[in-house]
Amino acid sequence: MRGFSKKKYKDMNLYDLICYSQDDNYDALEELIKREQKNIYASFCYLGAAKENISDLTQEALLRMSKNIKHLKNPKLFKSWLGQIVTNLFYDELRKKQKNLNPVSIESYWLNEDEGDNCILNICDNTLKPDEKTLGNELTDVIKDTICKLPEHFRLVIILRELQGLSYEEIARITKTNVGTVKSRIARARNKLQECLKPYLT
């Protein structure tokens, strides 16, 4: 276990990485943190956390993950477990600051970091052609603004689904709703995104 190279951990599947982390393997835990920190950061951005709190919330989520991962009984439920940590932290912060769920400033472009939706991945293909790059950036901005304007319950489920990669059942448990409601909310959120993209894709 301790003789593994850094590359070994980098290539390791998520399940094994979690198991090694639970066995006090620091290198495995370090790799797990690296894999998850971007999505955690993006999740807080899209949920509408205040700019000055994003980094602190991300660090706190990673800290809680690291400290409590040994208590996760089923590594297969890791994504759902981590999604619950992120969601709880966000709502705790809202209660502390006595803010509304939608304190998103449209000018603060970075609040819309990286949603992880398949549409975004397809659009932002990092092509080197200037005209395609410009169009991709414009589309991404439209998607980002649209997501941040979604009602909180739509925004939360699509973030948990597309960014955190949770199943409908896991999202239902986190949001305390049924699977049908989760599917309906995700579908409506995606439809809204598609409507906003029509002028750019026709």
N, C-alpha and C. Protein backbone atom coordinates (compact mmCIF):
# COMPACT_ATOMS: atom_id res chain seq x y z
N MET A 1 0.81 -1.21 0.00
CA MET A 1 0.00 0.00 0.00
C MET A 1 0.85 1.27 0.00
N ARG A 2 1.83 1.29 0.88
CA ARG A 2 2.64 2.49 0.98
C ARG A 2 3.68 2.59 -0.13
N GLY A 3 3.88 1.46 -0.85
CA GLY A 3 4.89 1.47 -1.89
C GLY A 3 4.35 1.96 -3.23
N PHE A 4 3.08 2.27 -3.32
CA PHE A 4 2.50 2.73 -4.56
C PHE A 4 3.10 4.07 -4.97
N SER A 5 3.25 4.24 -6.26
CA SER A 5 3.71 5.53 -6.77
C SER A 5 2.52 6.48 -6.85
N LYS A 6 2.82 7.77 -7.03
CA LYS A 6 1.76 8.76 -7.16
C LYS A 6 0.88 8.43 -8.35
N LYS A 7 1.49 7.95 -9.43
CA LYS A 7 0.73 7.63 -10.63
C LYS A 7 -0.24 6.49 -10.36
N LYS A 8 0.15 5.55 -9.50
CA LYS A 8 -0.73 4.43 -9.16
C LYS A 8 -2.03 4.93 -8.55
N TYR A 9 -1.91 5.91 -7.66
CA TYR A 9 -3.12 6.46 -7.03
C TYR A 9 -3.92 7.28 -8.04
N LYS A 10 -3.20 7.97 -8.91
CA LYS A 10 -3.88 8.79 -9.91
C LYS A 10 -4.71 7.94 -10.85
N ASP A 11 -4.24 6.74 -11.15
CA ASP A 11 -4.95 5.84 -12.07
C ASP A 11 -5.94 4.93 -11.36
N MET A 12 -5.99 4.99 -10.05
CA MET A 12 -6.84 4.08 -9.27
C MET A 12 -8.31 4.45 -9.40
N ASN A 13 -9.17 3.45 -9.43
CA ASN A 13 -10.60 3.75 -9.51
C ASN A 13 -11.07 4.33 -8.17
N LEU A 14 -12.21 5.00 -8.23
CA LEU A 14 -12.71 5.74 -7.08
C LEU A 14 -12.96 4.83 -5.88
N TYR A 15 -13.54 3.67 -6.11
CA TYR A 15 -13.87 2.76 -5.01
C TYR A 15 -12.61 2.38 -4.23
N ASP A 16 -11.56 1.96 -4.93
CA ASP A 16 -10.32 1.56 -4.26
C ASP A 16 -9.67 2.75 -3.56
N LEU A 17 -9.75 3.91 -4.20
CA LEU A 17 -9.17 5.11 -3.61
C LEU A 17 -9.83 5.44 -2.28
N ILE A 18 -11.13 5.29 -2.23
CA ILE A 18 -11.86 5.53 -0.99
C ILE A 18 -11.47 4.51 0.07
N CYS A 19 -11.36 3.25 -0.32
CA CYS A 19 -10.99 2.20 0.64
C CYS A 19 -9.61 2.44 1.22
N TYR A 20 -8.65 2.82 0.40
CA TYR A 20 -7.31 3.12 0.90
C TYR A 20 -7.33 4.36 1.80
N SER A 21 -8.14 5.34 1.44
CA SER A 21 -8.25 6.53 2.28
C SER A 21 -8.81 6.19 3.65
N GLN A 22 -9.76 5.28 3.68
CA GLN A 22 -10.35 4.85 4.95
C GLN A 22 -9.35 4.07 5.79
N ASP A 23 -8.31 3.57 5.14
CA ASP A 23 -7.28 2.81 5.83
C ASP A 23 -6.08 3.69 6.19
N ASP A 24 -6.35 4.99 6.31
CA ASP A 24 -5.33 5.97 6.71
C ASP A 24 -4.17 6.07 5.72
N ASN A 25 -4.45 5.89 4.46
CA ASN A 25 -3.43 6.06 3.43
C ASN A 25 -3.47 7.50 2.95
N TYR A 26 -2.47 8.28 3.36
CA TYR A 26 -2.46 9.72 3.08
C TYR A 26 -2.39 10.00 1.58
N ASP A 27 -1.60 9.25 0.84
CA ASP A 27 -1.46 9.49 -0.59
C ASP A 27 -2.79 9.26 -1.31
N ALA A 28 -3.52 8.25 -0.89
CA ALA A 28 -4.83 7.99 -1.50
C ALA A 28 -5.80 9.12 -1.17
N LEU A 29 -5.78 9.58 0.06
CA LEU A 29 -6.65 10.68 0.47
C LEU A 29 -6.30 11.96 -0.28
N GLU A 30 -5.03 12.20 -0.47
CA GLU A 30 -4.59 13.39 -1.21
C GLU A 30 -5.13 13.36 -2.64
N GLU A 31 -5.06 12.21 -3.28
CA GLU A 31 -5.58 12.07 -4.64
C GLU A 31 -7.09 12.24 -4.66
N LEU A 32 -7.77 11.72 -3.64
CA LEU A 32 -9.22 11.84 -3.57
C LEU A 32 -9.62 13.31 -3.45
N ILE A 33 -8.89 14.05 -2.65
CA ILE A 33 -9.14 15.49 -2.48
C ILE A 33 -8.96 16.21 -3.81
N LYS A 34 -7.88 15.88 -4.52
CA LYS A 34 -7.62 16.51 -5.82
C LYS A 34 -8.74 16.26 -6.81
N ARG A 35 -9.28 15.04 -6.78
CA ARG A 35 -10.35 14.69 -7.72
C ARG A 35 -11.64 15.43 -7.42
N GLU A 36 -11.92 15.67 -6.16
CA GLU A 36 -13.22 16.19 -5.78
C GLU A 36 -13.27 17.71 -5.60
N GLN A 37 -12.14 18.36 -5.40
CA GLN A 37 -12.18 19.77 -5.00
C GLN A 37 -12.79 20.68 -6.07
N LYS A 38 -12.52 20.39 -7.35
CA LYS A 38 -13.07 21.25 -8.40
C LYS A 38 -14.59 21.19 -8.45
N ASN A 39 -15.14 19.98 -8.38
CA ASN A 39 -16.59 19.84 -8.42
C ASN A 39 -17.25 20.42 -7.18
N ILE A 40 -16.59 20.28 -6.03
CA ILE A 40 -17.13 20.87 -4.81
C ILE A 40 -17.17 22.39 -4.93
N TYR A 41 -16.07 22.96 -5.40
CA TYR A 41 -15.99 24.41 -5.59
C TYR A 41 -17.09 24.87 -6.55
N ALA A 42 -17.21 24.17 -7.68
CA ALA A 42 -18.22 24.54 -8.68
C ALA A 42 -19.63 24.41 -8.11
N SER A 43 -19.85 23.41 -7.28
CA SER A 43 -21.17 23.21 -6.69
C SER A 43 -21.57 24.40 -5.83
N PHE A 44 -20.66 24.87 -5.01
CA PHE A 44 -20.96 26.04 -4.18
C PHE A 44 -21.19 27.27 -5.03
N CYS A 45 -20.43 27.40 -6.11
CA CYS A 45 -20.61 28.53 -7.02
C CYS A 45 -22.02 28.53 -7.59
N TYR A 46 -22.45 27.40 -8.10
CA TYR A 46 -23.75 27.31 -8.74
C TYR A 46 -24.90 27.38 -7.75
N LEU A 47 -24.68 26.91 -6.54
CA LEU A 47 -25.73 27.02 -5.54
C LEU A 47 -25.98 28.46 -5.13
N GLY A 48 -25.02 29.33 -5.44
CA GLY A 48 -25.21 30.75 -5.17
C GLY A 48 -24.55 31.23 -3.91
N ALA A 49 -23.54 30.52 -3.43
CA ALA A 49 -22.81 30.99 -2.25
C ALA A 49 -22.10 32.30 -2.56
N ALA A 50 -21.96 33.14 -1.54
CA ALA A 50 -21.30 34.43 -1.74
C ALA A 50 -19.84 34.23 -2.14
N LYS A 51 -19.37 35.10 -3.01
CA LYS A 51 -18.02 34.99 -3.56
C LYS A 51 -16.97 34.79 -2.49
N GLU A 52 -17.05 35.58 -1.43
CA GLU A 52 -16.01 35.54 -0.41
C GLU A 52 -16.04 34.25 0.43
N ASN A 53 -17.10 33.47 0.28
CA ASN A 53 -17.23 32.25 1.09
C ASN A 53 -16.92 30.96 0.33
N ILE A 54 -16.78 31.05 -0.99
CA ILE A 54 -16.63 29.84 -1.80
C ILE A 54 -15.43 29.01 -1.38
N SER A 55 -14.27 29.63 -1.27
CA SER A 55 -13.05 28.89 -0.93
C SER A 55 -13.13 28.27 0.46
N ASP A 56 -13.66 29.03 1.41
CA ASP A 56 -13.78 28.52 2.78
C ASP A 56 -14.76 27.35 2.84
N LEU A 57 -15.86 27.46 2.13
CA LEU A 57 -16.83 26.36 2.11
C LEU A 57 -16.23 25.10 1.46
N THR A 58 -15.48 25.31 0.40
CA THR A 58 -14.83 24.18 -0.27
C THR A 58 -13.84 23.49 0.66
N GLN A 59 -13.03 24.29 1.34
CA GLN A 59 -12.05 23.73 2.27
C GLN A 59 -12.73 22.98 3.41
N GLU A 60 -13.83 23.55 3.90
CA GLU A 60 -14.55 22.90 4.99
C GLU A 60 -15.16 21.58 4.54
N ALA A 61 -15.69 21.56 3.32
CA ALA A 61 -16.26 20.32 2.79
C ALA A 61 -15.18 19.24 2.65
N LEU A 62 -14.01 19.63 2.14
CA LEU A 62 -12.92 18.67 1.99
C LEU A 62 -12.40 18.20 3.35
N LEU A 63 -12.40 19.11 4.31
CA LEU A 63 -11.97 18.74 5.67
C LEU A 63 -12.94 17.74 6.28
N ARG A 64 -14.23 17.99 6.15
CA ARG A 64 -15.23 17.07 6.69
C ARG A 64 -15.15 15.71 5.99
N MET A 65 -14.93 15.76 4.68
CA MET A 65 -14.76 14.52 3.94
C MET A 65 -13.58 13.72 4.47
N SER A 66 -12.46 14.40 4.68
CA SER A 66 -11.24 13.73 5.13
C SER A 66 -11.39 13.17 6.55
N LYS A 67 -12.01 13.96 7.42
CA LYS A 67 -12.13 13.55 8.82
C LYS A 67 -13.14 12.43 9.01
N ASN A 68 -14.15 12.39 8.18
CA ASN A 68 -15.26 11.46 8.41
C ASN A 68 -15.32 10.29 7.45
N ILE A 69 -14.40 10.23 6.51
CA ILE A 69 -14.49 9.19 5.48
C ILE A 69 -14.40 7.78 6.07
N LYS A 70 -13.73 7.63 7.20
CA LYS A 70 -13.63 6.31 7.83
C LYS A 70 -14.98 5.83 8.34
N HIS A 71 -15.91 6.76 8.54
CA HIS A 71 -17.23 6.39 9.04
C HIS A 71 -18.21 6.04 7.92
N LEU A 72 -17.76 6.21 6.66
CA LEU A 72 -18.61 5.85 5.53
C LEU A 72 -18.62 4.33 5.39
N LYS A 73 -19.74 3.73 5.68
CA LYS A 73 -19.81 2.26 5.72
C LYS A 73 -19.76 1.63 4.33
N ASN A 74 -20.34 2.30 3.36
CA ASN A 74 -20.37 1.76 2.00
C ASN A 74 -19.70 2.73 1.03
N PRO A 75 -18.48 2.44 0.59
CA PRO A 75 -17.78 3.34 -0.33
C PRO A 75 -18.55 3.63 -1.61
N LYS A 76 -19.47 2.74 -1.99
CA LYS A 76 -20.26 2.96 -3.20
C LYS A 76 -21.21 4.15 -3.05
N LEU A 77 -21.45 4.54 -1.81
CA LEU A 77 -22.34 5.67 -1.55
C LEU A 77 -21.57 6.98 -1.34
N PHE A 78 -20.31 6.97 -1.72
CA PHE A 78 -19.45 8.13 -1.48
C PHE A 78 -20.00 9.40 -2.10
N LYS A 79 -20.41 9.36 -3.37
CA LYS A 79 -20.89 10.56 -4.05
C LYS A 79 -22.11 11.14 -3.37
N SER A 80 -23.02 10.28 -2.98
CA SER A 80 -24.21 10.73 -2.28
C SER A 80 -23.85 11.34 -0.92
N TRP A 81 -22.95 10.69 -0.23
CA TRP A 81 -22.48 11.16 1.08
C TRP A 81 -21.81 12.52 0.96
N LEU A 82 -20.97 12.68 -0.05
CA LEU A 82 -20.27 13.95 -0.26
C LEU A 82 -21.25 15.04 -0.69
N GLY A 83 -22.22 14.66 -1.52
CA GLY A 83 -23.24 15.62 -1.92
C GLY A 83 -24.02 16.15 -0.75
N GLN A 84 -24.27 15.28 0.24
CA GLN A 84 -24.98 15.70 1.44
C GLN A 84 -24.14 16.67 2.26
N ILE A 85 -22.84 16.45 2.32
CA ILE A 85 -21.94 17.36 3.02
C ILE A 85 -21.99 18.74 2.39
N VAL A 86 -21.90 18.79 1.08
CA VAL A 86 -21.92 20.06 0.35
C VAL A 86 -23.25 20.78 0.57
N THR A 87 -24.34 20.04 0.44
CA THR A 87 -25.66 20.64 0.61
C THR A 87 -25.86 21.17 2.03
N ASN A 88 -25.47 20.39 3.02
CA ASN A 88 -25.62 20.82 4.41
C ASN A 88 -24.81 22.06 4.71
N LEU A 89 -23.58 22.09 4.21
CA LEU A 89 -22.72 23.25 4.43
C LEU A 89 -23.33 24.51 3.81
N PHE A 90 -23.85 24.36 2.63
CA PHE A 90 -24.44 25.52 1.95
C PHE A 90 -25.63 26.08 2.72
N TYR A 91 -26.52 25.20 3.14
CA TYR A 91 -27.69 25.66 3.88
C TYR A 91 -27.33 26.18 5.28
N ASP A 92 -26.31 25.60 5.88
CA ASP A 92 -25.82 26.13 7.16
C ASP A 92 -25.32 27.56 6.99
N GLU A 93 -24.60 27.78 5.91
CA GLU A 93 -24.07 29.11 5.64
C GLU A 93 -25.20 30.11 5.39
N LEU A 94 -26.21 29.68 4.68
CA LEU A 94 -27.36 30.55 4.44
C LEU A 94 -28.05 30.95 5.74
N ARG A 95 -28.20 29.97 6.61
CA ARG A 95 -28.85 30.27 7.89
C ARG A 95 -28.01 31.22 8.73
N LYS A 96 -26.71 31.02 8.70
CA LYS A 96 -25.83 31.89 9.49
C LYS A 96 -25.88 33.32 8.99
N LYS A 97 -25.88 33.48 7.71
CA LYS A 97 -25.84 34.82 7.11
C LYS A 97 -27.23 35.41 6.93
N GLN A 98 -28.25 34.58 7.15
CA GLN A 98 -29.65 35.02 7.00
C GLN A 98 -29.87 35.61 5.61
N LYS A 99 -29.38 34.87 4.62
CA LYS A 99 -29.52 35.32 3.23
C LYS A 99 -30.58 34.50 2.53
N ASN A 100 -31.02 35.02 1.42
CA ASN A 100 -31.92 34.27 0.57
C ASN A 100 -31.12 33.26 -0.23
N LEU A 101 -31.81 32.32 -0.87
CA LEU A 101 -31.13 31.28 -1.62
C LEU A 101 -30.60 31.77 -2.96
N ASN A 102 -30.99 32.98 -3.38
CA ASN A 102 -30.56 33.44 -4.70
C ASN A 102 -29.81 34.76 -4.65
N PRO A 103 -28.72 34.86 -3.87
CA PRO A 103 -27.97 36.11 -3.82
C PRO A 103 -26.93 36.17 -4.93
N VAL A 104 -27.32 35.73 -6.14
CA VAL A 104 -26.35 35.65 -7.23
C VAL A 104 -26.26 36.97 -7.96
N SER A 105 -25.05 37.46 -8.10
CA SER A 105 -24.80 38.66 -8.87
C SER A 105 -24.47 38.26 -10.29
N ILE A 106 -25.24 38.77 -11.23
CA ILE A 106 -25.01 38.41 -12.63
C ILE A 106 -23.64 38.88 -13.10
N GLU A 107 -23.17 40.01 -12.55
CA GLU A 107 -21.87 40.52 -12.96
C GLU A 107 -20.73 39.62 -12.51
N SER A 108 -20.96 38.88 -11.43
CA SER A 108 -19.88 38.04 -10.89
C SER A 108 -19.79 36.76 -11.68
N TYR A 109 -19.14 36.83 -12.83
CA TYR A 109 -19.13 35.70 -13.75
C TYR A 109 -18.56 34.45 -13.13
N TRP A 110 -17.62 34.59 -12.19
CA TRP A 110 -16.96 33.42 -11.64
C TRP A 110 -17.88 32.61 -10.75
N LEU A 111 -19.02 33.19 -10.33
CA LEU A 111 -19.97 32.42 -9.53
C LEU A 111 -20.50 31.23 -10.31
N ASN A 112 -20.30 31.27 -11.63
CA ASN A 112 -20.84 30.23 -12.49
C ASN A 112 -19.76 29.31 -13.00
N GLU A 113 -18.82 28.97 -12.20
CA GLU A 113 -17.58 28.24 -12.52
C GLU A 113 -17.70 27.17 -13.59
N ASP A 114 -18.07 25.96 -13.26
CA ASP A 114 -18.05 24.86 -14.23
C ASP A 114 -19.13 23.88 -13.87
N GLU A 115 -20.23 23.94 -14.57
CA GLU A 115 -21.41 23.17 -14.16
C GLU A 115 -21.28 21.69 -14.42
N GLY A 116 -20.53 21.31 -15.40
CA GLY A 116 -20.32 19.91 -15.64
C GLY A 116 -21.40 19.24 -16.46
N ASP A 117 -22.37 20.00 -16.98
CA ASP A 117 -23.43 19.42 -17.79
C ASP A 117 -22.86 18.95 -19.12
N ASN A 118 -23.45 17.89 -19.68
CA ASN A 118 -22.96 17.37 -20.95
C ASN A 118 -22.96 18.43 -22.03
N CYS A 119 -23.97 19.32 -22.00
CA CYS A 119 -24.02 20.37 -23.00
C CYS A 119 -22.79 21.25 -22.91
N ILE A 120 -22.39 21.59 -21.68
CA ILE A 120 -21.22 22.44 -21.49
C ILE A 120 -19.98 21.75 -21.99
N LEU A 121 -19.86 20.48 -21.69
CA LEU A 121 -18.67 19.75 -22.11
C LEU A 121 -18.57 19.69 -23.62
N ASN A 122 -19.72 19.57 -24.30
CA ASN A 122 -19.70 19.48 -25.74
C ASN A 122 -19.40 20.82 -26.38
N ILE A 123 -19.88 21.87 -25.76
CA ILE A 123 -19.69 23.20 -26.33
C ILE A 123 -18.25 23.68 -26.13
N CYS A 124 -17.76 23.54 -24.92
CA CYS A 124 -16.43 24.04 -24.59
C CYS A 124 -15.39 22.95 -24.86
N ASP A 125 -15.08 22.74 -26.14
CA ASP A 125 -14.15 21.68 -26.48
C ASP A 125 -12.72 22.18 -26.63
N ASN A 126 -12.47 23.44 -26.19
CA ASN A 126 -11.13 24.01 -26.18
C ASN A 126 -10.47 24.01 -27.56
N THR A 127 -11.26 24.15 -28.59
CA THR A 127 -10.68 24.23 -29.92
C THR A 127 -9.82 25.48 -30.04
N LEU A 128 -8.83 25.42 -30.90
CA LEU A 128 -7.90 26.53 -31.03
C LEU A 128 -8.38 27.58 -32.03
N LYS A 129 -9.47 27.29 -32.76
CA LYS A 129 -9.96 28.25 -33.73
C LYS A 129 -10.60 29.44 -33.01
N PRO A 130 -10.17 30.66 -33.30
CA PRO A 130 -10.66 31.84 -32.57
C PRO A 130 -12.17 32.01 -32.63
N ASP A 131 -12.78 31.81 -33.83
CA ASP A 131 -14.22 32.02 -33.93
C ASP A 131 -14.99 30.99 -33.13
N GLU A 132 -14.54 29.74 -33.16
CA GLU A 132 -15.21 28.69 -32.39
C GLU A 132 -15.01 28.91 -30.89
N LYS A 133 -13.84 29.38 -30.52
CA LYS A 133 -13.58 29.64 -29.11
C LYS A 133 -14.48 30.76 -28.60
N THR A 134 -14.66 31.79 -29.39
CA THR A 134 -15.52 32.91 -29.00
C THR A 134 -16.96 32.46 -28.83
N LEU A 135 -17.44 31.65 -29.79
CA LEU A 135 -18.80 31.14 -29.71
C LEU A 135 -18.97 30.24 -28.49
N GLY A 136 -17.97 29.40 -28.24
CA GLY A 136 -18.04 28.51 -27.09
C GLY A 136 -18.12 29.28 -25.79
N ASN A 137 -17.33 30.34 -25.68
CA ASN A 137 -17.35 31.16 -24.46
C ASN A 137 -18.71 31.83 -24.28
N GLU A 138 -19.28 32.29 -25.40
CA GLU A 138 -20.57 32.95 -25.32
C GLU A 138 -21.66 31.97 -24.89
N LEU A 139 -21.63 30.77 -25.45
CA LEU A 139 -22.60 29.75 -25.07
C LEU A 139 -22.47 29.38 -23.60
N THR A 140 -21.23 29.23 -23.15
CA THR A 140 -20.99 28.87 -21.76
C THR A 140 -21.54 29.93 -20.83
N ASP A 141 -21.36 31.20 -21.18
CA ASP A 141 -21.87 32.29 -20.36
C ASP A 141 -23.40 32.24 -20.29
N VAL A 142 -24.03 31.92 -21.43
CA VAL A 142 -25.49 31.82 -21.45
C VAL A 142 -25.96 30.70 -20.53
N ILE A 143 -25.29 29.57 -20.62
CA ILE A 143 -25.66 28.42 -19.77
C ILE A 143 -25.46 28.76 -18.30
N LYS A 144 -24.33 29.38 -18.01
CA LYS A 144 -24.03 29.73 -16.62
C LYS A 144 -25.09 30.67 -16.05
N ASP A 145 -25.43 31.71 -16.81
CA ASP A 145 -26.43 32.67 -16.33
C ASP A 145 -27.78 32.00 -16.15
N THR A 146 -28.13 31.11 -17.07
CA THR A 146 -29.42 30.42 -17.00
C THR A 146 -29.50 29.54 -15.75
N ILE A 147 -28.45 28.81 -15.47
CA ILE A 147 -28.44 27.94 -14.29
C ILE A 147 -28.59 28.75 -13.01
N CYS A 148 -27.87 29.86 -12.93
CA CYS A 148 -27.93 30.68 -11.72
C CYS A 148 -29.29 31.35 -11.53
N LYS A 149 -30.04 31.47 -12.61
CA LYS A 149 -31.36 32.10 -12.51
C LYS A 149 -32.47 31.07 -12.22
N LEU A 150 -32.12 29.79 -12.29
CA LEU A 150 -33.12 28.76 -12.01
C LEU A 150 -33.60 28.85 -10.56
N PRO A 151 -34.86 28.51 -10.29
CA PRO A 151 -35.32 28.41 -8.90
C PRO A 151 -34.42 27.45 -8.14
N GLU A 152 -34.28 27.68 -6.85
CA GLU A 152 -33.33 26.91 -6.04
C GLU A 152 -33.52 25.41 -6.15
N HIS A 153 -34.78 24.94 -6.15
CA HIS A 153 -35.00 23.49 -6.16
C HIS A 153 -34.63 22.87 -7.50
N PHE A 154 -34.73 23.63 -8.59
CA PHE A 154 -34.27 23.14 -9.89
C PHE A 154 -32.74 23.17 -9.96
N ARG A 155 -32.18 24.26 -9.47
CA ARG A 155 -30.72 24.43 -9.52
C ARG A 155 -30.02 23.35 -8.70
N LEU A 156 -30.56 23.05 -7.53
CA LEU A 156 -29.92 22.07 -6.65
C LEU A 156 -29.89 20.68 -7.28
N VAL A 157 -31.01 20.24 -7.84
CA VAL A 157 -31.04 18.88 -8.37
C VAL A 157 -30.16 18.71 -9.60
N ILE A 158 -30.10 19.75 -10.44
CA ILE A 158 -29.27 19.60 -11.64
C ILE A 158 -27.79 19.65 -11.29
N ILE A 159 -27.45 20.38 -10.23
CA ILE A 159 -26.06 20.41 -9.77
C ILE A 159 -25.68 19.05 -9.19
N LEU A 160 -26.55 18.49 -8.37
CA LEU A 160 -26.26 17.18 -7.77
C LEU A 160 -26.17 16.10 -8.85
N ARG A 161 -26.98 16.24 -9.89
CA ARG A 161 -26.99 15.24 -10.95
C ARG A 161 -25.78 15.39 -11.88
N GLU A 162 -25.57 16.59 -12.40
CA GLU A 162 -24.56 16.80 -13.43
C GLU A 162 -23.16 17.04 -12.88
N LEU A 163 -23.06 17.74 -11.76
CA LEU A 163 -21.75 18.02 -11.19
C LEU A 163 -21.28 16.90 -10.27
N GLN A 164 -22.15 16.49 -9.37
CA GLN A 164 -21.77 15.47 -8.41
C GLN A 164 -21.98 14.05 -8.94
N GLY A 165 -22.74 13.92 -10.02
CA GLY A 165 -22.93 12.61 -10.63
C GLY A 165 -23.80 11.66 -9.82
N LEU A 166 -24.73 12.20 -9.05
CA LEU A 166 -25.57 11.35 -8.20
C LEU A 166 -26.72 10.73 -8.98
N SER A 167 -27.19 9.62 -8.50
CA SER A 167 -28.35 8.96 -9.11
C SER A 167 -29.62 9.70 -8.68
N TYR A 168 -30.72 9.42 -9.39
CA TYR A 168 -31.99 10.03 -9.02
C TYR A 168 -32.39 9.64 -7.60
N GLU A 169 -32.13 8.40 -7.24
CA GLU A 169 -32.48 7.93 -5.90
C GLU A 169 -31.68 8.66 -4.82
N GLU A 170 -30.40 8.88 -5.09
CA GLU A 170 -29.56 9.58 -4.12
C GLU A 170 -30.00 11.04 -3.97
N ILE A 171 -30.34 11.66 -5.08
CA ILE A 171 -30.80 13.05 -5.02
C ILE A 171 -32.12 13.14 -4.26
N ALA A 172 -32.98 12.16 -4.48
CA ALA A 172 -34.26 12.14 -3.77
C ALA A 172 -34.05 12.08 -2.26
N ARG A 173 -33.07 11.27 -1.84
CA ARG A 173 -32.79 11.18 -0.40
C ARG A 173 -32.26 12.50 0.16
N ILE A 174 -31.36 13.12 -0.58
CA ILE A 174 -30.77 14.37 -0.12
C ILE A 174 -31.80 15.50 -0.05
N THR A 175 -32.65 15.57 -1.07
CA THR A 175 -33.63 16.66 -1.13
C THR A 175 -34.95 16.32 -0.45
N LYS A 176 -35.02 15.07 0.09
CA LYS A 176 -36.22 14.64 0.80
C LYS A 176 -37.47 14.74 -0.10
N THR A 177 -37.32 14.28 -1.33
CA THR A 177 -38.43 14.23 -2.27
C THR A 177 -38.46 12.82 -2.86
N ASN A 178 -39.39 12.58 -3.77
CA ASN A 178 -39.43 11.27 -4.43
C ASN A 178 -38.69 11.33 -5.76
N VAL A 179 -38.42 10.16 -6.32
CA VAL A 179 -37.64 10.07 -7.55
C VAL A 179 -38.36 10.76 -8.70
N GLY A 180 -39.68 10.63 -8.74
CA GLY A 180 -40.45 11.26 -9.81
C GLY A 180 -40.28 12.77 -9.81
N THR A 181 -40.30 13.36 -8.62
CA THR A 181 -40.12 14.80 -8.49
C THR A 181 -38.73 15.22 -8.95
N VAL A 182 -37.74 14.43 -8.56
CA VAL A 182 -36.36 14.73 -8.97
C VAL A 182 -36.24 14.70 -10.49
N LYS A 183 -36.75 13.66 -11.12
CA LYS A 183 -36.68 13.55 -12.58
C LYS A 183 -37.38 14.71 -13.26
N SER A 184 -38.53 15.09 -12.72
CA SER A 184 -39.30 16.19 -13.30
C SER A 184 -38.53 17.51 -13.20
N ARG A 185 -37.93 17.75 -12.05
CA ARG A 185 -37.19 19.00 -11.86
C ARG A 185 -35.96 19.07 -12.76
N ILE A 186 -35.26 17.95 -12.88
CA ILE A 186 -34.08 17.92 -13.75
C ILE A 186 -34.48 18.12 -15.20
N ALA A 187 -35.58 17.49 -15.62
CA ALA A 187 -36.05 17.64 -16.99
C ALA A 187 -36.42 19.09 -17.29
N ARG A 188 -37.09 19.73 -16.35
CA ARG A 188 -37.51 21.12 -16.56
C ARG A 188 -36.30 22.05 -16.59
N ALA A 189 -35.32 21.77 -15.78
CA ALA A 189 -34.10 22.58 -15.79
C ALA A 189 -33.36 22.41 -17.12
N ARG A 190 -33.27 21.19 -17.61
CA ARG A 190 -32.61 20.95 -18.90
C ARG A 190 -33.37 21.59 -20.05
N ASN A 191 -34.70 21.54 -19.98
CA ASN A 191 -35.50 22.18 -21.02
C ASN A 191 -35.26 23.68 -21.07
N LYS A 192 -35.12 24.27 -19.88
CA LYS A 192 -34.85 25.70 -19.81
C LYS A 192 -33.50 26.02 -20.45
N LEU A 193 -32.52 25.18 -20.19
CA LEU A 193 -31.21 25.37 -20.80
C LEU A 193 -31.30 25.26 -22.33
N GLN A 194 -32.03 24.26 -22.80
CA GLN A 194 -32.16 24.06 -24.24
C GLN A 194 -32.85 25.24 -24.91
N GLU A 195 -33.85 25.81 -24.25
CA GLU A 195 -34.55 26.97 -24.80
C GLU A 195 -33.59 28.14 -24.98
N CYS A 196 -32.74 28.33 -23.99
CA CYS A 196 -31.79 29.45 -24.05
C CYS A 196 -30.71 29.24 -25.10
N LEU A 197 -30.44 27.98 -25.43
CA LEU A 197 -29.40 27.66 -26.39
C LEU A 197 -29.88 27.63 -27.85
N LYS A 198 -31.19 27.59 -28.05
CA LYS A 198 -31.72 27.48 -29.41
C LYS A 198 -31.16 28.52 -30.39
N PRO A 199 -31.09 29.80 -29.98
CA PRO A 199 -30.58 30.81 -30.93
C PRO A 199 -29.13 30.56 -31.35
N TYR A 200 -28.41 29.82 -30.53
CA TYR A 200 -26.99 29.59 -30.81
C TYR A 200 -26.74 28.30 -31.58
N LEU A 201 -27.73 27.42 -31.58
CA LEU A 201 -27.53 26.09 -32.17
C LEU A 201 -28.29 25.90 -33.47
N THR A 202 -29.01 26.92 -33.91
CA THR A 202 -29.77 26.81 -35.16
C THR A 202 -29.09 27.59 -36.28
